[in-house]
Structures are given as structure tokens and as C-alpha cells.
């Protein structure tokens, strides 16, 4: 089951990359392959108020769902600019944490906090 989930996750990442035409690569373990450097920053604990999910709205990606308790670190690659990670209240999108999520492009929830992270360095931006 965990092997199937890992394969499914990688397949979704590759499909998302094809949609973007290879402009971005959103996996820290794959950044060296594309000649890009990446960093990792935990989003857990970046906001202590009430929220239901966290989206990267710069490159639509789901980073947290309160219902599952799962988190995925921010891993913005160098050259992709400043990423906005938005903490939202409302119905969680129908996506898996750590995966591309079209609903994160324009989330329907109410934004309660935004954390901005620079691609490649994970510095605030």
C-alpha cells in the first residue's frame, strides 16, 4: 500500500511537471537532477491560529490538511521566485498533502495567514 502510494505520488508529480512544461520541479530529491538547488522549510508552527489547510498559491501545491494532520515542507527551488504559503479556513481541497493541487491556485477558503518563502534559499521574501 505504501509502495503504491509512493508510485502514485511520483506519477502525479511527473504529470504536473508536464503541465508546467518543466519550468518548475517541486521535489527536493529531484532538484539536483534538474540542475536547480532547493531548500526545505517546515511550515508547521508558522501560524498558531485556527486554520484547516495550507496551500502554496504560487505553484498550486497542498502542504497541510487539518483532517489528516499531514504536513509537507516548503521546498521552493531556486529561480522560482517568492512563494506564498497561505493558511486557510474552510473546506479542504480534494487533493493529497505533498501533491500538486489545482484548487490551491485560487483557494476558496478564507486566508488567515501568509508565509512568504524565497525559492532556493527559504529566506523570507
Foldseek 3Di string as FASTA:
>chain_A
DVVVVVVVQVVQQVVLCVVVVVPFRFDCVCQVVVVWHKDWDWPPPVDDDDAAFKFFLLQTATADGPVVRHGDTGIAIPPSFKIKIFGFHDDDAPDDHPGHDPCSNPPPTHTDDIFIATHNPRDGD
